[in-house]
N, C-alpha and C. Protein backbone atom coordinates (compact mmCIF):
# COMPACT_ATOMS: atom_id res chain seq x y z
N MET A 1 -95.46 -15.25 107.42
CA MET A 1 -96.67 -15.28 108.20
C MET A 1 -96.97 -16.70 108.68
N LYS A 2 -96.42 -17.72 108.02
CA LYS A 2 -96.67 -19.10 108.42
C LYS A 2 -96.07 -19.40 109.79
N THR A 3 -95.05 -18.66 110.19
CA THR A 3 -94.43 -18.90 111.51
C THR A 3 -95.21 -18.22 112.62
N ASP A 4 -96.22 -17.43 112.27
CA ASP A 4 -97.10 -16.74 113.24
C ASP A 4 -96.26 -15.91 114.24
N PRO A 5 -95.57 -14.89 113.75
CA PRO A 5 -94.68 -14.11 114.62
C PRO A 5 -95.42 -13.32 115.71
N LEU A 6 -96.70 -13.08 115.54
CA LEU A 6 -97.44 -12.34 116.56
C LEU A 6 -97.72 -13.19 117.80
N ASN A 7 -97.87 -14.50 117.62
CA ASN A 7 -98.21 -15.37 118.74
C ASN A 7 -97.09 -16.33 119.13
N ASN A 8 -96.15 -16.60 118.22
CA ASN A 8 -95.09 -17.57 118.48
C ASN A 8 -93.81 -16.81 118.89
N PRO A 9 -93.34 -16.93 120.13
CA PRO A 9 -92.13 -16.20 120.54
C PRO A 9 -90.85 -16.76 119.91
N ASP A 10 -90.89 -18.00 119.41
CA ASP A 10 -89.72 -18.59 118.76
C ASP A 10 -89.64 -18.28 117.27
N ALA A 11 -90.62 -17.59 116.75
CA ALA A 11 -90.64 -17.26 115.32
C ALA A 11 -89.56 -16.21 115.02
N PRO A 12 -88.94 -16.29 113.85
CA PRO A 12 -87.94 -15.27 113.50
C PRO A 12 -88.60 -13.91 113.38
N PRO A 13 -87.86 -12.85 113.68
CA PRO A 13 -88.47 -11.51 113.68
C PRO A 13 -88.83 -11.00 112.29
N GLY A 14 -88.27 -11.60 111.25
CA GLY A 14 -88.60 -11.16 109.90
C GLY A 14 -87.96 -12.09 108.88
N PRO A 15 -88.20 -11.84 107.61
CA PRO A 15 -87.67 -12.75 106.59
C PRO A 15 -86.13 -12.72 106.50
N LEU A 16 -85.51 -11.64 106.89
CA LEU A 16 -84.05 -11.57 106.84
C LEU A 16 -83.39 -12.51 107.83
N ALA A 17 -84.07 -12.87 108.89
CA ALA A 17 -83.52 -13.75 109.91
C ALA A 17 -83.75 -15.22 109.62
N MET A 18 -84.46 -15.52 108.54
CA MET A 18 -84.76 -16.91 108.22
C MET A 18 -83.60 -17.52 107.43
N GLY A 19 -83.36 -18.80 107.62
CA GLY A 19 -82.26 -19.50 106.98
C GLY A 19 -82.41 -19.59 105.46
N GLU A 20 -83.62 -19.56 104.96
CA GLU A 20 -83.86 -19.70 103.53
C GLU A 20 -83.58 -18.40 102.77
N TYR A 21 -83.46 -17.32 103.49
CA TYR A 21 -83.28 -16.02 102.84
C TYR A 21 -81.87 -15.90 102.27
N HIS A 22 -81.79 -15.49 101.02
CA HIS A 22 -80.50 -15.30 100.35
C HIS A 22 -80.50 -13.93 99.71
N ASN A 23 -79.51 -13.11 100.09
CA ASN A 23 -79.39 -11.77 99.54
C ASN A 23 -78.29 -11.78 98.48
N ALA A 24 -78.67 -11.58 97.23
CA ALA A 24 -77.71 -11.59 96.13
C ALA A 24 -76.74 -10.41 96.23
N ASP A 25 -77.18 -9.31 96.78
CA ASP A 25 -76.32 -8.13 96.88
C ASP A 25 -75.21 -8.31 97.91
N SER A 26 -75.38 -9.22 98.86
CA SER A 26 -74.32 -9.43 99.85
C SER A 26 -73.08 -10.05 99.21
N GLU A 27 -73.29 -10.93 98.23
CA GLU A 27 -72.14 -11.51 97.52
C GLU A 27 -71.42 -10.44 96.71
N GLU A 28 -72.18 -9.59 96.06
CA GLU A 28 -71.59 -8.49 95.29
C GLU A 28 -70.86 -7.52 96.22
N ALA A 29 -71.42 -7.29 97.38
CA ALA A 29 -70.77 -6.40 98.35
C ALA A 29 -69.46 -6.99 98.85
N ALA A 30 -69.44 -8.28 99.09
CA ALA A 30 -68.20 -8.94 99.53
C ALA A 30 -67.13 -8.86 98.43
N LYS A 31 -67.54 -9.04 97.19
CA LYS A 31 -66.62 -8.95 96.07
C LYS A 31 -66.05 -7.54 95.98
N ARG A 32 -66.91 -6.54 96.09
CA ARG A 32 -66.47 -5.13 96.02
C ARG A 32 -65.56 -4.77 97.20
N THR A 33 -65.83 -5.35 98.34
CA THR A 33 -64.98 -5.10 99.51
C THR A 33 -63.57 -5.64 99.28
N ASN A 34 -63.47 -6.81 98.71
CA ASN A 34 -62.16 -7.38 98.39
C ASN A 34 -61.42 -6.53 97.35
N GLU A 35 -62.16 -6.06 96.34
CA GLU A 35 -61.55 -5.19 95.33
C GLU A 35 -61.06 -3.89 95.97
N ALA A 36 -61.86 -3.33 96.85
CA ALA A 36 -61.48 -2.08 97.51
C ALA A 36 -60.24 -2.27 98.38
N ALA A 37 -60.15 -3.40 99.05
CA ALA A 37 -58.97 -3.68 99.88
C ALA A 37 -57.72 -3.79 99.01
N GLN A 38 -57.85 -4.42 97.84
CA GLN A 38 -56.71 -4.55 96.93
C GLN A 38 -56.28 -3.19 96.39
N VAL A 39 -57.22 -2.37 96.00
CA VAL A 39 -56.90 -1.03 95.49
C VAL A 39 -56.28 -0.18 96.59
N PHE A 40 -56.76 -0.33 97.80
CA PHE A 40 -56.19 0.41 98.93
C PHE A 40 -54.73 0.02 99.15
N GLN A 41 -54.43 -1.27 99.06
CA GLN A 41 -53.04 -1.73 99.22
C GLN A 41 -52.16 -1.20 98.09
N GLU A 42 -52.68 -1.16 96.88
CA GLU A 42 -51.92 -0.60 95.76
C GLU A 42 -51.65 0.89 96.00
N GLY A 43 -52.63 1.60 96.52
CA GLY A 43 -52.46 3.01 96.82
C GLY A 43 -51.43 3.23 97.92
N THR A 44 -51.43 2.37 98.91
CA THR A 44 -50.45 2.48 99.99
C THR A 44 -49.04 2.26 99.45
N ALA A 45 -48.88 1.28 98.57
CA ALA A 45 -47.57 1.03 97.96
C ALA A 45 -47.14 2.21 97.09
N ALA A 46 -48.07 2.79 96.35
CA ALA A 46 -47.74 3.95 95.51
C ALA A 46 -47.33 5.14 96.37
N ARG A 47 -48.00 5.31 97.50
CA ARG A 47 -47.63 6.41 98.40
C ARG A 47 -46.22 6.21 98.95
N ALA A 48 -45.89 4.99 99.29
CA ALA A 48 -44.54 4.72 99.80
C ALA A 48 -43.49 5.01 98.73
N THR A 49 -43.79 4.64 97.48
CA THR A 49 -42.86 4.93 96.39
C THR A 49 -42.72 6.43 96.18
N SER A 50 -43.81 7.15 96.23
CA SER A 50 -43.73 8.61 96.05
C SER A 50 -42.95 9.26 97.19
N ASP A 51 -43.08 8.73 98.39
CA ASP A 51 -42.29 9.26 99.50
C ASP A 51 -40.80 9.07 99.26
N LYS A 52 -40.43 7.94 98.68
CA LYS A 52 -39.02 7.69 98.38
C LYS A 52 -38.51 8.66 97.32
N TYR A 53 -39.35 8.95 96.32
CA TYR A 53 -38.96 9.93 95.31
C TYR A 53 -38.79 11.33 95.92
N VAL A 54 -39.66 11.69 96.84
CA VAL A 54 -39.55 12.99 97.49
C VAL A 54 -38.27 13.08 98.31
N ARG A 55 -37.94 12.02 99.02
CA ARG A 55 -36.69 12.01 99.79
C ARG A 55 -35.48 12.18 98.89
N ALA A 56 -35.49 11.50 97.75
CA ALA A 56 -34.37 11.64 96.80
C ALA A 56 -34.30 13.06 96.26
N THR A 57 -35.44 13.66 96.00
CA THR A 57 -35.46 15.04 95.50
C THR A 57 -34.91 16.00 96.54
N VAL A 58 -35.25 15.80 97.78
CA VAL A 58 -34.74 16.67 98.85
C VAL A 58 -33.23 16.52 98.97
N LEU A 59 -32.73 15.32 98.87
CA LEU A 59 -31.28 15.12 98.93
C LEU A 59 -30.58 15.77 97.74
N LEU A 60 -31.18 15.69 96.57
CA LEU A 60 -30.60 16.34 95.39
C LEU A 60 -30.61 17.86 95.54
N ALA A 61 -31.66 18.40 96.14
CA ALA A 61 -31.70 19.84 96.40
C ALA A 61 -30.64 20.24 97.41
N THR A 62 -30.38 19.37 98.37
CA THR A 62 -29.33 19.64 99.35
C THR A 62 -27.96 19.67 98.67
N VAL A 63 -27.76 18.81 97.70
CA VAL A 63 -26.51 18.81 96.95
C VAL A 63 -26.34 20.15 96.22
N LEU A 64 -27.42 20.63 95.61
CA LEU A 64 -27.36 21.94 94.94
C LEU A 64 -27.05 23.06 95.92
N LEU A 65 -27.66 23.00 97.09
CA LEU A 65 -27.42 24.02 98.11
C LEU A 65 -25.96 24.00 98.56
N LEU A 66 -25.43 22.84 98.82
CA LEU A 66 -24.03 22.75 99.24
C LEU A 66 -23.08 23.24 98.15
N THR A 67 -23.40 22.94 96.92
CA THR A 67 -22.57 23.41 95.80
C THR A 67 -22.61 24.94 95.71
N ALA A 68 -23.78 25.51 95.87
CA ALA A 68 -23.90 26.97 95.81
C ALA A 68 -23.19 27.63 96.99
N ILE A 69 -23.30 27.05 98.16
CA ILE A 69 -22.64 27.61 99.34
C ILE A 69 -21.12 27.51 99.19
N SER A 70 -20.64 26.42 98.61
CA SER A 70 -19.19 26.25 98.48
C SER A 70 -18.58 27.33 97.59
N GLN A 71 -19.34 27.86 96.66
CA GLN A 71 -18.83 28.90 95.76
C GLN A 71 -18.65 30.24 96.46
N ARG A 72 -19.24 30.42 97.60
CA ARG A 72 -19.16 31.69 98.34
C ARG A 72 -17.88 31.80 99.18
N PHE A 73 -17.24 30.69 99.42
CA PHE A 73 -16.04 30.71 100.25
C PHE A 73 -14.81 31.01 99.39
N HIS A 74 -13.87 31.74 99.98
CA HIS A 74 -12.63 32.07 99.28
C HIS A 74 -11.57 31.01 99.49
N SER A 75 -11.67 30.28 100.57
CA SER A 75 -10.68 29.25 100.88
C SER A 75 -10.90 28.03 99.98
N HIS A 76 -9.84 27.63 99.33
CA HIS A 76 -9.91 26.48 98.43
C HIS A 76 -10.23 25.19 99.20
N GLN A 77 -9.73 25.07 100.42
CA GLN A 77 -9.96 23.87 101.23
C GLN A 77 -11.44 23.74 101.61
N VAL A 78 -12.04 24.85 101.97
CA VAL A 78 -13.46 24.81 102.34
C VAL A 78 -14.30 24.47 101.11
N ARG A 79 -13.95 25.07 99.98
CA ARG A 79 -14.68 24.79 98.75
C ARG A 79 -14.59 23.30 98.38
N MET A 80 -13.40 22.77 98.46
CA MET A 80 -13.22 21.37 98.13
C MET A 80 -13.91 20.45 99.14
N GLY A 81 -13.86 20.84 100.40
CA GLY A 81 -14.53 20.04 101.43
C GLY A 81 -16.03 19.97 101.19
N LEU A 82 -16.66 21.11 100.90
CA LEU A 82 -18.09 21.12 100.62
C LEU A 82 -18.41 20.40 99.31
N ALA A 83 -17.53 20.52 98.33
CA ALA A 83 -17.77 19.82 97.06
C ALA A 83 -17.69 18.31 97.26
N ILE A 84 -16.78 17.86 98.09
CA ILE A 84 -16.67 16.42 98.36
C ILE A 84 -17.90 15.93 99.11
N VAL A 85 -18.33 16.69 100.11
CA VAL A 85 -19.55 16.31 100.85
C VAL A 85 -20.74 16.28 99.90
N ALA A 86 -20.83 17.27 99.00
CA ALA A 86 -21.94 17.31 98.04
C ALA A 86 -21.88 16.10 97.11
N PHE A 87 -20.68 15.75 96.66
CA PHE A 87 -20.54 14.61 95.77
C PHE A 87 -20.94 13.31 96.47
N LEU A 88 -20.49 13.15 97.69
CA LEU A 88 -20.85 11.93 98.44
C LEU A 88 -22.35 11.88 98.70
N LEU A 89 -22.92 13.05 98.96
CA LEU A 89 -24.36 13.11 99.19
C LEU A 89 -25.12 12.88 97.89
N LEU A 90 -24.52 13.18 96.77
CA LEU A 90 -25.15 12.96 95.47
C LEU A 90 -25.27 11.47 95.15
N CYS A 91 -24.32 10.68 95.61
CA CYS A 91 -24.32 9.24 95.30
C CYS A 91 -25.54 8.53 95.88
N LEU A 92 -25.94 8.88 97.07
CA LEU A 92 -27.05 8.19 97.73
C LEU A 92 -28.37 8.32 96.96
N PRO A 93 -28.83 9.54 96.62
CA PRO A 93 -30.11 9.59 95.89
C PRO A 93 -30.01 9.03 94.47
N LEU A 94 -28.83 9.10 93.85
CA LEU A 94 -28.71 8.52 92.51
C LEU A 94 -28.88 7.01 92.55
N VAL A 95 -28.30 6.37 93.53
CA VAL A 95 -28.47 4.92 93.67
C VAL A 95 -29.92 4.58 93.96
N ARG A 96 -30.55 5.35 94.81
CA ARG A 96 -31.95 5.10 95.14
C ARG A 96 -32.86 5.32 93.93
N LEU A 97 -32.57 6.35 93.14
CA LEU A 97 -33.40 6.63 91.97
C LEU A 97 -33.30 5.51 90.94
N VAL A 98 -32.15 4.92 90.81
CA VAL A 98 -31.98 3.81 89.87
C VAL A 98 -32.78 2.60 90.32
N GLN A 99 -32.91 2.41 91.62
CA GLN A 99 -33.61 1.24 92.16
C GLN A 99 -35.12 1.41 92.23
N LEU A 100 -35.61 2.63 92.18
CA LEU A 100 -37.05 2.85 92.33
C LEU A 100 -37.82 2.46 91.08
N PRO A 101 -39.07 2.01 91.25
CA PRO A 101 -39.87 1.64 90.08
C PRO A 101 -40.30 2.88 89.29
N ARG A 102 -40.53 2.67 88.00
CA ARG A 102 -40.97 3.74 87.12
C ARG A 102 -42.34 3.41 86.56
N LEU A 103 -42.99 4.42 86.03
CA LEU A 103 -44.32 4.20 85.44
C LEU A 103 -44.25 3.42 84.16
């Protein structure tokens, strides 16, 4: 009220606009915002890791499918060809699984 906001056009519109005003909750809010950003980044990294695990699982399921399909053929060459493809396809997810982080 000392700035006479009703008559003085240069007076601040309220106490929040004054330089002396200090809001303690704004510091806490900034701290919480930084914490939330860090947790969000951790969640993004965890999602990326889970996506890699899902990809490895899909490749392992593909190996099982190829193995099951190879058993349906009577030709030894076709069976061996599919078994070799399945084995080569098995190597990729196994290497990736060894490299992925664990809990």
